[in-house]
Amino acid sequence: MIRFNRQIKHLIDSVLAGPGHANPALRQAVAARASELSGGGKAAQTLPDPLGAWVDKIAMHAYKTLDSDVETLKQTYSEDQIFELTIAAATGAAHTRFELALVELTIAAATGAAHTRFELALAAIIGERQMEE
């Protein structure tokens, strides 16, 4: 598991702080906002629209993204920046859901409540908790 954790950290560091077209501070803010929306609990700064609305949509309902959303973003950001910011949002949301799922699975293993905890872990991974709201 330690090797796996290092690989995840390397991936996140690359996405959020590596070279790119979008400012690393903005990528980090985007990931923090997506993490918060995914149950991360840590309050993140509000992002300006249309980026804030885009990040919220990616974190909560990515299947609802539209070409018109991208066109609106193109008024402020390049396609490369939009791509990087989208990946940052997806990474922030996914990492938080993964961490929540690991917590649920650890509790399940310790308590013997595997069936219920497995369902909670799966819900955390797919973001079902947010979809129900």
N, C-alpha and C. Protein backbone atom coordinates (compact mmCIF):
# COMPACT_ATOMS: atom_id res chain seq x y z
N MET A 1 0.81 -1.20 0.00
CA MET A 1 0.00 0.00 0.00
C MET A 1 0.86 1.26 0.00
N ILE A 2 2.04 1.19 0.64
CA ILE A 2 2.91 2.36 0.70
C ILE A 2 3.33 2.78 -0.70
N ARG A 3 3.69 1.82 -1.54
CA ARG A 3 4.09 2.14 -2.92
C ARG A 3 2.94 2.79 -3.66
N PHE A 4 1.75 2.26 -3.44
CA PHE A 4 0.55 2.80 -4.08
C PHE A 4 0.32 4.24 -3.64
N ASN A 5 0.51 4.53 -2.36
CA ASN A 5 0.33 5.89 -1.85
C ASN A 5 1.33 6.85 -2.49
N ARG A 6 2.56 6.39 -2.69
CA ARG A 6 3.56 7.24 -3.34
C ARG A 6 3.17 7.53 -4.78
N GLN A 7 2.62 6.54 -5.46
CA GLN A 7 2.20 6.75 -6.84
C GLN A 7 1.04 7.74 -6.92
N ILE A 8 0.11 7.63 -6.00
CA ILE A 8 -1.00 8.58 -5.97
C ILE A 8 -0.49 9.98 -5.70
N LYS A 9 0.40 10.12 -4.72
CA LYS A 9 0.96 11.43 -4.40
C LYS A 9 1.69 12.01 -5.61
N HIS A 10 2.45 11.19 -6.30
CA HIS A 10 3.17 11.66 -7.49
C HIS A 10 2.18 12.13 -8.57
N LEU A 11 1.12 11.37 -8.77
CA LEU A 11 0.10 11.76 -9.75
C LEU A 11 -0.52 13.10 -9.38
N ILE A 12 -0.92 13.24 -8.12
CA ILE A 12 -1.56 14.48 -7.69
C ILE A 12 -0.60 15.65 -7.79
N ASP A 13 0.64 15.45 -7.36
CA ASP A 13 1.64 16.52 -7.47
C ASP A 13 1.86 16.93 -8.92
N SER A 14 1.88 15.97 -9.82
CA SER A 14 2.08 16.26 -11.23
C SER A 14 0.92 17.07 -11.80
N VAL A 15 -0.29 16.67 -11.45
CA VAL A 15 -1.49 17.36 -11.96
C VAL A 15 -1.59 18.77 -11.39
N LEU A 16 -1.33 18.91 -10.11
CA LEU A 16 -1.59 20.19 -9.45
C LEU A 16 -0.41 21.16 -9.43
N ALA A 17 0.80 20.64 -9.50
CA ALA A 17 1.96 21.53 -9.38
C ALA A 17 2.96 21.39 -10.53
N GLY A 18 2.74 20.43 -11.42
CA GLY A 18 3.66 20.23 -12.53
C GLY A 18 3.54 21.32 -13.57
N PRO A 19 4.43 21.27 -14.56
CA PRO A 19 4.36 22.27 -15.62
C PRO A 19 3.03 22.16 -16.37
N GLY A 20 2.55 23.30 -16.81
CA GLY A 20 1.30 23.31 -17.55
C GLY A 20 0.94 24.70 -18.01
N HIS A 21 -0.20 24.81 -18.65
CA HIS A 21 -0.67 26.09 -19.17
C HIS A 21 -1.48 26.86 -18.12
N ALA A 22 -2.13 26.15 -17.21
CA ALA A 22 -2.89 26.79 -16.15
C ALA A 22 -2.00 27.00 -14.93
N ASN A 23 -2.19 28.11 -14.27
CA ASN A 23 -1.41 28.44 -13.09
C ASN A 23 -1.58 27.33 -12.03
N PRO A 24 -0.46 26.83 -11.46
CA PRO A 24 -0.57 25.78 -10.45
C PRO A 24 -1.46 26.16 -9.26
N ALA A 25 -1.43 27.42 -8.85
CA ALA A 25 -2.28 27.85 -7.73
C ALA A 25 -3.76 27.72 -8.10
N LEU A 26 -4.10 28.01 -9.34
CA LEU A 26 -5.48 27.86 -9.79
C LEU A 26 -5.86 26.38 -9.87
N ARG A 27 -4.95 25.55 -10.37
CA ARG A 27 -5.22 24.10 -10.42
C ARG A 27 -5.45 23.56 -9.01
N GLN A 28 -4.66 24.02 -8.05
CA GLN A 28 -4.82 23.57 -6.67
C GLN A 28 -6.14 24.04 -6.07
N ALA A 29 -6.53 25.27 -6.38
CA ALA A 29 -7.82 25.79 -5.90
C ALA A 29 -8.98 25.01 -6.49
N VAL A 30 -8.86 24.66 -7.76
CA VAL A 30 -9.89 23.87 -8.44
C VAL A 30 -10.01 22.49 -7.79
N ALA A 31 -8.88 21.85 -7.54
CA ALA A 31 -8.90 20.53 -6.91
C ALA A 31 -9.47 20.60 -5.50
N ALA A 32 -9.13 21.65 -4.76
CA ALA A 32 -9.65 21.81 -3.40
C ALA A 32 -11.16 21.99 -3.41
N ARG A 33 -11.67 22.76 -4.36
CA ARG A 33 -13.12 22.95 -4.46
C ARG A 33 -13.81 21.63 -4.80
N ALA A 34 -13.28 20.90 -5.75
CA ALA A 34 -13.87 19.61 -6.13
C ALA A 34 -13.79 18.62 -4.97
N SER A 35 -12.71 18.66 -4.22
CA SER A 35 -12.56 17.80 -3.04
C SER A 35 -13.62 18.13 -2.00
N GLU A 36 -13.82 19.40 -1.75
CA GLU A 36 -14.82 19.83 -0.78
C GLU A 36 -16.21 19.33 -1.19
N LEU A 37 -16.54 19.48 -2.45
CA LEU A 37 -17.85 19.04 -2.94
C LEU A 37 -18.02 17.53 -2.86
N SER A 38 -16.92 16.81 -2.85
CA SER A 38 -16.96 15.36 -2.83
C SER A 38 -16.89 14.79 -1.42
N GLY A 39 -17.00 15.65 -0.43
CA GLY A 39 -17.02 15.19 0.95
C GLY A 39 -15.73 15.41 1.71
N GLY A 40 -14.82 16.19 1.12
CA GLY A 40 -13.53 16.43 1.75
C GLY A 40 -13.62 17.23 3.04
N GLY A 41 -14.69 17.94 3.23
CA GLY A 41 -14.93 18.63 4.48
C GLY A 41 -14.16 19.92 4.68
N LYS A 42 -13.07 20.10 4.01
CA LYS A 42 -12.26 21.30 4.17
C LYS A 42 -12.80 22.39 3.25
N ALA A 43 -13.19 23.51 3.82
CA ALA A 43 -13.78 24.59 3.02
C ALA A 43 -12.75 25.15 2.04
N ALA A 44 -13.13 25.24 0.80
CA ALA A 44 -12.25 25.76 -0.24
C ALA A 44 -12.74 27.14 -0.66
N GLN A 45 -11.86 27.87 -1.27
CA GLN A 45 -12.24 29.20 -1.74
C GLN A 45 -13.23 29.09 -2.88
N THR A 46 -14.04 30.10 -3.01
CA THR A 46 -15.00 30.15 -4.10
C THR A 46 -14.25 30.52 -5.38
N LEU A 47 -14.58 29.86 -6.46
CA LEU A 47 -13.96 30.15 -7.74
C LEU A 47 -14.87 31.07 -8.54
N PRO A 48 -14.28 31.94 -9.35
CA PRO A 48 -15.12 32.84 -10.15
C PRO A 48 -15.84 32.07 -11.25
N ASP A 49 -17.05 32.53 -11.58
CA ASP A 49 -17.75 31.93 -12.71
C ASP A 49 -17.15 32.46 -13.99
N PRO A 50 -17.14 31.68 -15.04
CA PRO A 50 -17.80 30.40 -15.23
C PRO A 50 -16.99 29.20 -14.71
N LEU A 51 -15.76 29.45 -14.24
CA LEU A 51 -14.93 28.33 -13.78
C LEU A 51 -15.56 27.64 -12.57
N GLY A 52 -16.09 28.40 -11.63
CA GLY A 52 -16.70 27.80 -10.45
C GLY A 52 -17.85 26.87 -10.80
N ALA A 53 -18.69 27.30 -11.71
CA ALA A 53 -19.82 26.45 -12.14
C ALA A 53 -19.31 25.19 -12.84
N TRP A 54 -18.25 25.34 -13.63
CA TRP A 54 -17.67 24.19 -14.34
C TRP A 54 -17.10 23.18 -13.34
N VAL A 55 -16.35 23.65 -12.37
CA VAL A 55 -15.75 22.75 -11.38
C VAL A 55 -16.84 22.05 -10.58
N ASP A 56 -17.86 22.80 -10.19
CA ASP A 56 -18.97 22.19 -9.45
C ASP A 56 -19.62 21.08 -10.28
N LYS A 57 -19.79 21.34 -11.56
CA LYS A 57 -20.42 20.35 -12.44
C LYS A 57 -19.52 19.13 -12.60
N ILE A 58 -18.23 19.34 -12.79
CA ILE A 58 -17.29 18.21 -12.93
C ILE A 58 -17.29 17.37 -11.66
N ALA A 59 -17.25 18.02 -10.52
CA ALA A 59 -17.18 17.30 -9.24
C ALA A 59 -18.47 16.57 -8.91
N MET A 60 -19.60 17.13 -9.28
CA MET A 60 -20.88 16.57 -8.85
C MET A 60 -21.63 15.79 -9.93
N HIS A 61 -21.57 16.30 -11.15
CA HIS A 61 -22.38 15.72 -12.23
C HIS A 61 -21.65 15.85 -13.56
N ALA A 62 -20.51 15.23 -13.69
CA ALA A 62 -19.69 15.39 -14.89
C ALA A 62 -20.44 15.00 -16.17
N TYR A 63 -21.36 14.08 -16.04
CA TYR A 63 -22.13 13.64 -17.21
C TYR A 63 -23.04 14.73 -17.75
N LYS A 64 -23.20 15.81 -17.03
CA LYS A 64 -24.08 16.90 -17.47
C LYS A 64 -23.32 18.02 -18.20
N THR A 65 -22.02 17.84 -18.40
CA THR A 65 -21.26 18.88 -19.09
C THR A 65 -21.70 18.99 -20.54
N LEU A 66 -21.69 20.21 -21.03
CA LEU A 66 -22.14 20.49 -22.39
C LEU A 66 -21.06 21.22 -23.18
N ASP A 67 -21.16 21.12 -24.49
CA ASP A 67 -20.25 21.88 -25.35
C ASP A 67 -20.37 23.37 -25.06
N SER A 68 -21.56 23.83 -24.75
CA SER A 68 -21.76 25.25 -24.48
C SER A 68 -21.01 25.68 -23.21
N ASP A 69 -20.86 24.77 -22.25
CA ASP A 69 -20.06 25.08 -21.05
C ASP A 69 -18.61 25.34 -21.44
N VAL A 70 -18.09 24.51 -22.31
CA VAL A 70 -16.71 24.67 -22.76
C VAL A 70 -16.56 25.96 -23.56
N GLU A 71 -17.52 26.24 -24.41
CA GLU A 71 -17.47 27.47 -25.20
C GLU A 71 -17.45 28.70 -24.29
N THR A 72 -18.22 28.66 -23.23
CA THR A 72 -18.22 29.77 -22.27
C THR A 72 -16.86 29.91 -21.61
N LEU A 73 -16.26 28.79 -21.24
CA LEU A 73 -14.92 28.83 -20.63
C LEU A 73 -13.87 29.36 -21.59
N LYS A 74 -14.04 29.08 -22.88
CA LYS A 74 -13.06 29.53 -23.89
C LYS A 74 -12.98 31.05 -23.98
N GLN A 75 -13.96 31.74 -23.45
CA GLN A 75 -13.91 33.21 -23.45
C GLN A 75 -12.84 33.72 -22.49
N THR A 76 -12.45 32.87 -21.53
CA THR A 76 -11.46 33.27 -20.53
C THR A 76 -10.20 32.41 -20.55
N TYR A 77 -10.35 31.14 -20.89
CA TYR A 77 -9.25 30.18 -20.81
C TYR A 77 -8.99 29.53 -22.16
N SER A 78 -7.73 29.12 -22.37
CA SER A 78 -7.39 28.37 -23.58
C SER A 78 -7.89 26.93 -23.44
N GLU A 79 -7.93 26.20 -24.54
CA GLU A 79 -8.34 24.80 -24.47
C GLU A 79 -7.41 23.99 -23.58
N ASP A 80 -6.11 24.27 -23.64
CA ASP A 80 -5.15 23.57 -22.79
C ASP A 80 -5.43 23.85 -21.31
N GLN A 81 -5.73 25.11 -20.99
CA GLN A 81 -6.05 25.45 -19.60
C GLN A 81 -7.35 24.77 -19.16
N ILE A 82 -8.35 24.75 -20.01
CA ILE A 82 -9.61 24.09 -19.68
C ILE A 82 -9.37 22.62 -19.40
N PHE A 83 -8.58 21.98 -20.24
CA PHE A 83 -8.26 20.57 -20.05
C PHE A 83 -7.58 20.36 -18.69
N GLU A 84 -6.55 21.14 -18.40
CA GLU A 84 -5.81 20.98 -17.15
C GLU A 84 -6.69 21.25 -15.94
N LEU A 85 -7.55 22.25 -16.01
CA LEU A 85 -8.43 22.57 -14.89
C LEU A 85 -9.49 21.48 -14.70
N THR A 86 -9.92 20.89 -15.80
CA THR A 86 -10.88 19.77 -15.71
C THR A 86 -10.23 18.57 -15.06
N ILE A 87 -9.00 18.27 -15.45
CA ILE A 87 -8.26 17.15 -14.85
C ILE A 87 -8.01 17.42 -13.37
N ALA A 88 -7.70 18.67 -13.02
CA ALA A 88 -7.49 19.02 -11.61
C ALA A 88 -8.77 18.81 -10.80
N ALA A 89 -9.91 19.20 -11.36
CA ALA A 89 -11.19 19.00 -10.67
C ALA A 89 -11.49 17.52 -10.50
N ALA A 90 -11.31 16.77 -11.55
CA ALA A 90 -11.57 15.33 -11.50
C ALA A 90 -10.64 14.64 -10.51
N THR A 91 -9.38 15.07 -10.47
CA THR A 91 -8.41 14.50 -9.55
C THR A 91 -8.77 14.82 -8.11
N GLY A 92 -9.16 16.06 -7.84
CA GLY A 92 -9.55 16.44 -6.48
C GLY A 92 -10.75 15.65 -5.99
N ALA A 93 -11.76 15.51 -6.85
CA ALA A 93 -12.96 14.74 -6.49
C ALA A 93 -12.64 13.27 -6.31
N ALA A 94 -11.89 12.70 -7.24
CA ALA A 94 -11.58 11.27 -7.20
C ALA A 94 -10.73 10.91 -5.99
N HIS A 95 -9.74 11.72 -5.70
CA HIS A 95 -8.87 11.42 -4.56
C HIS A 95 -9.66 11.45 -3.26
N THR A 96 -10.53 12.41 -3.09
CA THR A 96 -11.34 12.48 -1.87
C THR A 96 -12.25 11.27 -1.77
N ARG A 97 -12.90 10.90 -2.84
CA ARG A 97 -13.79 9.73 -2.82
C ARG A 97 -13.01 8.45 -2.53
N PHE A 98 -11.82 8.35 -3.08
CA PHE A 98 -10.97 7.19 -2.83
C PHE A 98 -10.60 7.12 -1.35
N GLU A 99 -10.20 8.24 -0.77
CA GLU A 99 -9.84 8.28 0.65
C GLU A 99 -11.04 7.92 1.53
N LEU A 100 -12.21 8.45 1.21
CA LEU A 100 -13.42 8.12 1.97
C LEU A 100 -13.74 6.63 1.87
N ALA A 101 -13.56 6.08 0.69
CA ALA A 101 -13.82 4.65 0.50
C ALA A 101 -12.84 3.81 1.32
N LEU A 102 -11.58 4.20 1.35
CA LEU A 102 -10.60 3.46 2.15
C LEU A 102 -10.96 3.48 3.63
N VAL A 103 -11.43 4.61 4.11
CA VAL A 103 -11.85 4.71 5.51
C VAL A 103 -13.00 3.74 5.77
N GLU A 104 -13.99 3.75 4.89
CA GLU A 104 -15.14 2.85 5.08
C GLU A 104 -14.72 1.38 5.03
N LEU A 105 -13.83 1.04 4.13
CA LEU A 105 -13.38 -0.34 4.03
C LEU A 105 -12.54 -0.75 5.23
N THR A 106 -11.75 0.15 5.76
CA THR A 106 -10.96 -0.12 6.95
C THR A 106 -11.88 -0.38 8.14
N ILE A 107 -12.90 0.44 8.28
CA ILE A 107 -13.87 0.25 9.36
C ILE A 107 -14.60 -1.08 9.17
N ALA A 108 -14.96 -1.39 7.94
CA ALA A 108 -15.66 -2.64 7.67
C ALA A 108 -14.81 -3.84 8.07
N ALA A 109 -13.54 -3.79 7.75
CA ALA A 109 -12.65 -4.90 8.09
C ALA A 109 -12.50 -5.04 9.60
N ALA A 110 -12.48 -3.91 10.30
CA ALA A 110 -12.28 -3.94 11.75
C ALA A 110 -13.54 -4.34 12.51
N THR A 111 -14.70 -4.02 11.95
CA THR A 111 -15.95 -4.26 12.69
C THR A 111 -16.72 -5.47 12.22
N GLY A 112 -16.36 -5.98 11.09
CA GLY A 112 -17.09 -7.11 10.54
C GLY A 112 -18.38 -6.71 9.83
N ALA A 113 -18.59 -5.42 9.67
CA ALA A 113 -19.80 -4.92 8.99
C ALA A 113 -19.49 -4.73 7.51
N ALA A 114 -18.91 -5.74 6.90
CA ALA A 114 -18.40 -5.61 5.54
C ALA A 114 -19.47 -5.23 4.53
N HIS A 115 -20.63 -5.85 4.58
CA HIS A 115 -21.64 -5.60 3.55
C HIS A 115 -22.08 -4.13 3.54
N THR A 116 -22.46 -3.61 4.68
CA THR A 116 -22.92 -2.23 4.76
C THR A 116 -21.79 -1.26 4.45
N ARG A 117 -20.62 -1.49 5.02
CA ARG A 117 -19.48 -0.59 4.79
C ARG A 117 -19.01 -0.65 3.34
N PHE A 118 -19.09 -1.81 2.73
CA PHE A 118 -18.71 -1.91 1.32
C PHE A 118 -19.64 -1.04 0.48
N GLU A 119 -20.92 -1.07 0.78
CA GLU A 119 -21.87 -0.23 0.04
C GLU A 119 -21.56 1.25 0.24
N LEU A 120 -21.19 1.64 1.46
CA LEU A 120 -20.83 3.03 1.72
C LEU A 120 -19.56 3.42 0.97
N ALA A 121 -18.60 2.50 0.93
CA ALA A 121 -17.35 2.77 0.21
C ALA A 121 -17.62 2.93 -1.27
N LEU A 122 -18.44 2.06 -1.81
CA LEU A 122 -18.79 2.16 -3.22
C LEU A 122 -19.51 3.46 -3.50
N ALA A 123 -20.42 3.84 -2.63
CA ALA A 123 -21.15 5.10 -2.79
C ALA A 123 -20.18 6.28 -2.76
N ALA A 124 -19.18 6.23 -1.89
CA ALA A 124 -18.19 7.31 -1.81
C ALA A 124 -17.39 7.41 -3.10
N ILE A 125 -17.03 6.27 -3.64
CA ILE A 125 -16.23 6.27 -4.87
C ILE A 125 -16.99 6.87 -6.04
N ILE A 126 -18.24 6.50 -6.19
CA ILE A 126 -18.99 6.99 -7.34
C ILE A 126 -19.69 8.31 -7.08
N GLY A 127 -19.56 8.80 -5.87
CA GLY A 127 -20.15 10.09 -5.55
C GLY A 127 -21.63 10.05 -5.33
N GLU A 128 -22.15 8.87 -4.98
CA GLU A 128 -23.58 8.72 -4.81
C GLU A 128 -24.14 9.61 -3.72
N ARG A 129 -23.35 9.85 -2.69
CA ARG A 129 -23.82 10.72 -1.60
C ARG A 129 -24.20 12.09 -2.14
N GLN A 130 -23.40 12.62 -3.04
CA GLN A 130 -23.67 13.94 -3.58
C GLN A 130 -24.84 13.89 -4.57
N MET A 131 -24.97 12.80 -5.32
CA MET A 131 -26.04 12.70 -6.31
C MET A 131 -27.41 12.66 -5.66
N GLU A 132 -27.47 12.15 -4.44
CA GLU A 132 -28.74 12.06 -3.74
C GLU A 132 -29.22 13.42 -3.27
N GLU A 133 -28.31 14.38 -3.08
CA GLU A 133 -28.67 15.70 -2.55
C GLU A 133 -29.41 16.53 -3.57
